[in-house]
Amino acid sequence: MPGIDPYGYMRDAAGRLDRADATEVERMLDDLEYLYEVMDPELQGLADGLMERLRARLSQLKG
């Protein structure tokens, strides 16, 4: 994912969260977990919150 802006990706993912299906939520979660390793520590707290929301949405969709 060269050239990806982690903050921009999180903003876009958060905006799509309520409309996303399970497949898209899983993809966003995978992407965010990958980005987490290289993201600025200041953004990791925001990423943690978004990943929690993604996991909750995935549970809701699969539940």
PDB file of N, CA and C in Angstrom:
ATOM      1  N   MET A   1       0.821  -1.183   0.000  1.00  0.00           N
ATOM      2  CA  MET A   1       0.000   0.000   0.000  1.00  0.00           C
ATOM      3  C   MET A   1       0.873   1.258   0.000  1.00  0.00           C
ATOM      4  N   PRO A   2       1.803   1.354  -0.930  1.00  0.00           N
ATOM      5  CA  PRO A   2       2.674   2.515  -0.978  1.00  0.00           C
ATOM      6  C   PRO A   2       1.878   3.784  -1.249  1.00  0.00           C
ATOM      7  N   GLY A   3       2.281   4.859  -0.601  1.00  0.00           N
ATOM      8  CA  GLY A   3       1.635   6.134  -0.829  1.00  0.00           C
ATOM      9  C   GLY A   3       0.310   6.323  -0.114  1.00  0.00           C
ATOM     10  N   ILE A   4      -0.074   5.406   0.745  1.00  0.00           N
ATOM     11  CA  ILE A   4      -1.340   5.519   1.466  1.00  0.00           C
ATOM     12  C   ILE A   4      -1.178   6.476   2.635  1.00  0.00           C
ATOM     13  N   ASP A   5      -2.127   7.365   2.806  1.00  0.00           N
ATOM     14  CA  ASP A   5      -2.167   8.297   3.928  1.00  0.00           C
ATOM     15  C   ASP A   5      -2.999   7.645   5.033  1.00  0.00           C
ATOM     16  N   PRO A   6      -2.378   7.190   6.127  1.00  0.00           N
ATOM     17  CA  PRO A   6      -3.131   6.496   7.178  1.00  0.00           C
ATOM     18  C   PRO A   6      -4.289   7.318   7.741  1.00  0.00           C
ATOM     19  N   TYR A   7      -4.082   8.614   7.946  1.00  0.00           N
ATOM     20  CA  TYR A   7      -5.153   9.454   8.478  1.00  0.00           C
ATOM     21  C   TYR A   7      -6.313   9.526   7.482  1.00  0.00           C
ATOM     22  N   GLY A   8      -5.980   9.716   6.221  1.00  0.00           N
ATOM     23  CA  GLY A   8      -7.015   9.761   5.185  1.00  0.00           C
ATOM     24  C   GLY A   8      -7.751   8.440   5.072  1.00  0.00           C
ATOM     25  N   TYR A   9      -7.016   7.337   5.174  1.00  0.00           N
ATOM     26  CA  TYR A   9      -7.652   6.019   5.100  1.00  0.00           C
ATOM     27  C   TYR A   9      -8.616   5.829   6.268  1.00  0.00           C
ATOM     28  N   MET A  10      -8.184   6.227   7.469  1.00  0.00           N
ATOM     29  CA  MET A  10      -9.063   6.084   8.637  1.00  0.00           C
ATOM     30  C   MET A  10     -10.305   6.957   8.486  1.00  0.00           C
ATOM     31  N   ARG A  11     -10.141   8.163   7.971  1.00  0.00           N
ATOM     32  CA  ARG A  11     -11.283   9.064   7.759  1.00  0.00           C
ATOM     33  C   ARG A  11     -12.277   8.436   6.783  1.00  0.00           C
ATOM     34  N   ASP A  12     -11.762   7.899   5.684  1.00  0.00           N
ATOM     35  CA  ASP A  12     -12.628   7.276   4.678  1.00  0.00           C
ATOM     36  C   ASP A  12     -13.317   6.022   5.233  1.00  0.00           C
ATOM     37  N   ALA A  13     -12.571   5.204   5.958  1.00  0.00           N
ATOM     38  CA  ALA A  13     -13.129   3.980   6.539  1.00  0.00           C
ATOM     39  C   ALA A  13     -14.227   4.309   7.537  1.00  0.00           C
ATOM     40  N   ALA A  14     -13.988   5.314   8.370  1.00  0.00           N
ATOM     41  CA  ALA A  14     -14.997   5.711   9.353  1.00  0.00           C
ATOM     42  C   ALA A  14     -16.263   6.209   8.656  1.00  0.00           C
ATOM     43  N   GLY A  15     -16.092   6.892   7.530  1.00  0.00           N
ATOM     44  CA  GLY A  15     -17.242   7.389   6.776  1.00  0.00           C
ATOM     45  C   GLY A  15     -18.044   6.286   6.105  1.00  0.00           C
ATOM     46  N   ARG A  16     -17.399   5.182   5.775  1.00  0.00           N
ATOM     47  CA  ARG A  16     -18.080   4.063   5.107  1.00  0.00           C
ATOM     48  C   ARG A  16     -18.578   3.003   6.082  1.00  0.00           C
ATOM     49  N   LEU A  17     -18.180   3.088   7.312  1.00  0.00           N
ATOM     50  CA  LEU A  17     -18.422   2.038   8.294  1.00  0.00           C
ATOM     51  C   LEU A  17     -19.884   1.602   8.374  1.00  0.00           C
ATOM     52  N   ASP A  18     -20.803   2.537   8.461  1.00  0.00           N
ATOM     53  CA  ASP A  18     -22.213   2.196   8.651  1.00  0.00           C
ATOM     54  C   ASP A  18     -22.864   1.605   7.404  1.00  0.00           C
ATOM     55  N   ARG A  19     -22.259   1.818   6.243  1.00  0.00           N
ATOM     56  CA  ARG A  19     -22.828   1.307   4.983  1.00  0.00           C
ATOM     57  C   ARG A  19     -22.124   0.061   4.472  1.00  0.00           C
ATOM     58  N   ALA A  20     -21.021  -0.309   5.101  1.00  0.00           N
ATOM     59  CA  ALA A  20     -20.192  -1.404   4.598  1.00  0.00           C
ATOM     60  C   ALA A  20     -20.794  -2.770   4.916  1.00  0.00           C
ATOM     61  N   ASP A  21     -20.592  -3.703   3.989  1.00  0.00           N
ATOM     62  CA  ASP A  21     -20.989  -5.084   4.251  1.00  0.00           C
ATOM     63  C   ASP A  21     -19.828  -5.798   4.953  1.00  0.00           C
ATOM     64  N   ALA A  22     -20.052  -7.040   5.339  1.00  0.00           N
ATOM     65  CA  ALA A  22     -19.058  -7.784   6.118  1.00  0.00           C
ATOM     66  C   ALA A  22     -17.729  -7.909   5.379  1.00  0.00           C
ATOM     67  N   THR A  23     -17.777  -8.142   4.084  1.00  0.00           N
ATOM     68  CA  THR A  23     -16.553  -8.286   3.304  1.00  0.00           C
ATOM     69  C   THR A  23     -15.741  -6.991   3.315  1.00  0.00           C
ATOM     70  N   GLU A  24     -16.409  -5.875   3.137  1.00  0.00           N
ATOM     71  CA  GLU A  24     -15.714  -4.587   3.136  1.00  0.00           C
ATOM     72  C   GLU A  24     -15.162  -4.255   4.521  1.00  0.00           C
ATOM     73  N   VAL A  25     -15.935  -4.564   5.564  1.00  0.00           N
ATOM     74  CA  VAL A  25     -15.464  -4.308   6.924  1.00  0.00           C
ATOM     75  C   VAL A  25     -14.213  -5.146   7.206  1.00  0.00           C
ATOM     76  N   GLU A  26     -14.227  -6.404   6.800  1.00  0.00           N
ATOM     77  CA  GLU A  26     -13.045  -7.259   6.990  1.00  0.00           C
ATOM     78  C   GLU A  26     -11.838  -6.701   6.254  1.00  0.00           C
ATOM     79  N   ARG A  27     -12.036  -6.217   5.039  1.00  0.00           N
ATOM     80  CA  ARG A  27     -10.946  -5.648   4.254  1.00  0.00           C
ATOM     81  C   ARG A  27     -10.403  -4.385   4.917  1.00  0.00           C
ATOM     82  N   MET A  28     -11.315  -3.522   5.371  1.00  0.00           N
ATOM     83  CA  MET A  28     -10.879  -2.298   6.036  1.00  0.00           C
ATOM     84  C   MET A  28     -10.101  -2.622   7.309  1.00  0.00           C
ATOM     85  N   LEU A  29     -10.560  -3.608   8.055  1.00  0.00           N
ATOM     86  CA  LEU A  29      -9.874  -4.010   9.275  1.00  0.00           C
ATOM     87  C   LEU A  29      -8.488  -4.563   8.954  1.00  0.00           C
ATOM     88  N   ASP A  30      -8.395  -5.396   7.944  1.00  0.00           N
ATOM     89  CA  ASP A  30      -7.092  -5.929   7.523  1.00  0.00           C
ATOM     90  C   ASP A  30      -6.144  -4.807   7.099  1.00  0.00           C
ATOM     91  N   ASP A  31      -6.657  -3.879   6.300  1.00  0.00           N
ATOM     92  CA  ASP A  31      -5.837  -2.756   5.840  1.00  0.00           C
ATOM     93  C   ASP A  31      -5.356  -1.916   7.014  1.00  0.00           C
ATOM     94  N   LEU A  32      -6.249  -1.640   7.934  1.00  0.00           N
ATOM     95  CA  LEU A  32      -5.901  -0.803   9.077  1.00  0.00           C
ATOM     96  C   LEU A  32      -4.895  -1.500   9.986  1.00  0.00           C
ATOM     97  N   GLU A  33      -5.041  -2.796  10.176  1.00  0.00           N
ATOM     98  CA  GLU A  33      -4.068  -3.540  10.984  1.00  0.00           C
ATOM     99  C   GLU A  33      -2.690  -3.508  10.325  1.00  0.00           C
ATOM    100  N   TYR A  34      -2.643  -3.558   9.005  1.00  0.00           N
ATOM    101  CA  TYR A  34      -1.383  -3.460   8.280  1.00  0.00           C
ATOM    102  C   TYR A  34      -0.778  -2.061   8.461  1.00  0.00           C
ATOM    103  N   LEU A  35      -1.598  -1.035   8.272  1.00  0.00           N
ATOM    104  CA  LEU A  35      -1.122   0.338   8.401  1.00  0.00           C
ATOM    105  C   LEU A  35      -0.677   0.664   9.818  1.00  0.00           C
ATOM    106  N   TYR A  36      -1.291   0.036  10.787  1.00  0.00           N
ATOM    107  CA  TYR A  36      -1.002   0.303  12.198  1.00  0.00           C
ATOM    108  C   TYR A  36       0.491   0.147  12.492  1.00  0.00           C
ATOM    109  N   GLU A  37       1.113  -0.835  11.867  1.00  0.00           N
ATOM    110  CA  GLU A  37       2.522  -1.126  12.118  1.00  0.00           C
ATOM    111  C   GLU A  37       3.450   0.007  11.678  1.00  0.00           C
ATOM    112  N   VAL A  38       3.042   0.778  10.699  1.00  0.00           N
ATOM    113  CA  VAL A  38       3.901   1.828  10.174  1.00  0.00           C
ATOM    114  C   VAL A  38       3.392   3.234  10.486  1.00  0.00           C
ATOM    115  N   MET A  39       2.277   3.325  11.169  1.00  0.00           N
ATOM    116  CA  MET A  39       1.687   4.638  11.402  1.00  0.00           C
ATOM    117  C   MET A  39       2.336   5.350  12.577  1.00  0.00           C
ATOM    118  N   ASP A  40       2.269   6.651  12.541  1.00  0.00           N
ATOM    119  CA  ASP A  40       2.790   7.505  13.603  1.00  0.00           C
ATOM    120  C   ASP A  40       2.114   7.131  14.917  1.00  0.00           C
ATOM    121  N   PRO A  41       2.866   7.014  15.997  1.00  0.00           N
ATOM    122  CA  PRO A  41       2.271   6.645  17.281  1.00  0.00           C
ATOM    123  C   PRO A  41       1.120   7.560  17.716  1.00  0.00           C
ATOM    124  N   GLU A  42       1.146   8.804  17.267  1.00  0.00           N
ATOM    125  CA  GLU A  42       0.050   9.722  17.599  1.00  0.00           C
ATOM    126  C   GLU A  42      -1.269   9.290  16.967  1.00  0.00           C
ATOM    127  N   LEU A  43      -1.198   8.592  15.857  1.00  0.00           N
ATOM    128  CA  LEU A  43      -2.414   8.128  15.176  1.00  0.00           C
ATOM    129  C   LEU A  43      -2.876   6.764  15.676  1.00  0.00           C
ATOM    130  N   GLN A  44      -2.027   6.047  16.365  1.00  0.00           N
ATOM    131  CA  GLN A  44      -2.386   4.694  16.784  1.00  0.00           C
ATOM    132  C   GLN A  44      -3.573   4.674  17.736  1.00  0.00           C
ATOM    133  N   GLY A  45      -3.713   5.675  18.583  1.00  0.00           N
ATOM    134  CA  GLY A  45      -4.882   5.735  19.460  1.00  0.00           C
ATOM    135  C   GLY A  45      -6.178   5.864  18.669  1.00  0.00           C
ATOM    136  N   LEU A  46      -6.149   6.705  17.635  1.00  0.00           N
ATOM    137  CA  LEU A  46      -7.324   6.841  16.764  1.00  0.00           C
ATOM    138  C   LEU A  46      -7.598   5.533  16.032  1.00  0.00           C
ATOM    139  N   ALA A  47      -6.535   4.890  15.594  1.00  0.00           N
ATOM    140  CA  ALA A  47      -6.677   3.615  14.880  1.00  0.00           C
ATOM    141  C   ALA A  47      -7.264   2.546  15.800  1.00  0.00           C
ATOM    142  N   ASP A  48      -6.835   2.531  17.053  1.00  0.00           N
ATOM    143  CA  ASP A  48      -7.382   1.562  18.012  1.00  0.00           C
ATOM    144  C   ASP A  48      -8.892   1.711  18.124  1.00  0.00           C
ATOM    145  N   GLY A  49      -9.351   2.945  18.244  1.00  0.00           N
ATOM    146  CA  GLY A  49     -10.791   3.192  18.349  1.00  0.00           C
ATOM    147  C   GLY A  49     -11.545   2.764  17.104  1.00  0.00           C
ATOM    148  N   LEU A  50     -10.986   3.055  15.949  1.00  0.00           N
ATOM    149  CA  LEU A  50     -11.636   2.676  14.693  1.00  0.00           C
ATOM    150  C   LEU A  50     -11.646   1.162  14.526  1.00  0.00           C
ATOM    151  N   MET A  51     -10.551   0.492  14.883  1.00  0.00           N
ATOM    152  CA  MET A  51     -10.525  -0.969  14.775  1.00  0.00           C
ATOM    153  C   MET A  51     -11.560  -1.591  15.707  1.00  0.00           C
ATOM    154  N   GLU A  52     -11.754  -1.002  16.873  1.00  0.00           N
ATOM    155  CA  GLU A  52     -12.781  -1.500  17.795  1.00  0.00           C
ATOM    156  C   GLU A  52     -14.168  -1.354  17.167  1.00  0.00           C
ATOM    157  N   ARG A  53     -14.411  -0.209  16.544  1.00  0.00           N
ATOM    158  CA  ARG A  53     -15.699   0.012  15.872  1.00  0.00           C
ATOM    159  C   ARG A  53     -15.887  -0.944  14.697  1.00  0.00           C
ATOM    160  N   LEU A  54     -14.816  -1.203  13.949  1.00  0.00           N
ATOM    161  CA  LEU A  54     -14.902  -2.142  12.832  1.00  0.00           C
ATOM    162  C   LEU A  54     -15.216  -3.552  13.326  1.00  0.00           C
ATOM    163  N   ARG A  55     -14.568  -3.963  14.404  1.00  0.00           N
ATOM    164  CA  ARG A  55     -14.840  -5.304  14.956  1.00  0.00           C
ATOM    165  C   ARG A  55     -16.281  -5.409  15.459  1.00  0.00           C
ATOM    166  N   ALA A  56     -16.779  -4.356  16.076  1.00  0.00           N
ATOM    167  CA  ALA A  56     -18.166  -4.356  16.561  1.00  0.00           C
ATOM    168  C   ALA A  56     -19.135  -4.435  15.382  1.00  0.00           C
ATOM    169  N   ARG A  57     -18.851  -3.687  14.321  1.00  0.00           N
ATOM    170  CA  ARG A  57     -19.709  -3.715  13.126  1.00  0.00           C
ATOM    171  C   ARG A  57     -19.676  -5.097  12.475  1.00  0.00           C
ATOM    172  N   LEU A  58     -18.499  -5.694  12.401  1.00  0.00           N
ATOM    173  CA  LEU A  58     -18.377  -7.032  11.833  1.00  0.00           C
ATOM    174  C   LEU A  58     -19.160  -8.044  12.648  1.00  0.00           C
ATOM    175  N   SER A  59     -19.085  -7.943  13.946  1.00  0.00           N
ATOM    176  CA  SER A  59     -19.843  -8.836  14.828  1.00  0.00           C
ATOM    177  C   SER A  59     -21.340  -8.658  14.613  1.00  0.00           C
ATOM    178  N   GLN A  60     -21.761  -7.417  14.465  1.00  0.00           N
ATOM    179  CA  GLN A  60     -23.168  -7.118  14.225  1.00  0.00           C
ATOM    180  C   GLN A  60     -23.638  -7.721  12.889  1.00  0.00           C
ATOM    181  N   LEU A  61     -22.811  -7.591  11.871  1.00  0.00           N
ATOM    182  CA  LEU A  61     -23.180  -8.105  10.550  1.00  0.00           C
ATOM    183  C   LEU A  61     -23.202  -9.620  10.495  1.00  0.00           C
ATOM    184  N   LYS A  62     -22.314 -10.257  11.228  1.00  0.00           N
ATOM    185  CA  LYS A  62     -22.217 -11.709  11.206  1.00  0.00           C
ATOM    186  C   LYS A  62     -23.085 -12.364  12.275  1.00  0.00           C
ATOM    187  N   GLY A  63     -23.528 -11.550  13.254  1.00  0.00           N
ATOM    188  CA  GLY A  63     -24.265 -12.074  14.398  1.00  0.00           C
ATOM    189  C   GLY A  63     -25.621 -12.504  14.081  1.00  0.00           C
TER     190      GLY A  63
END
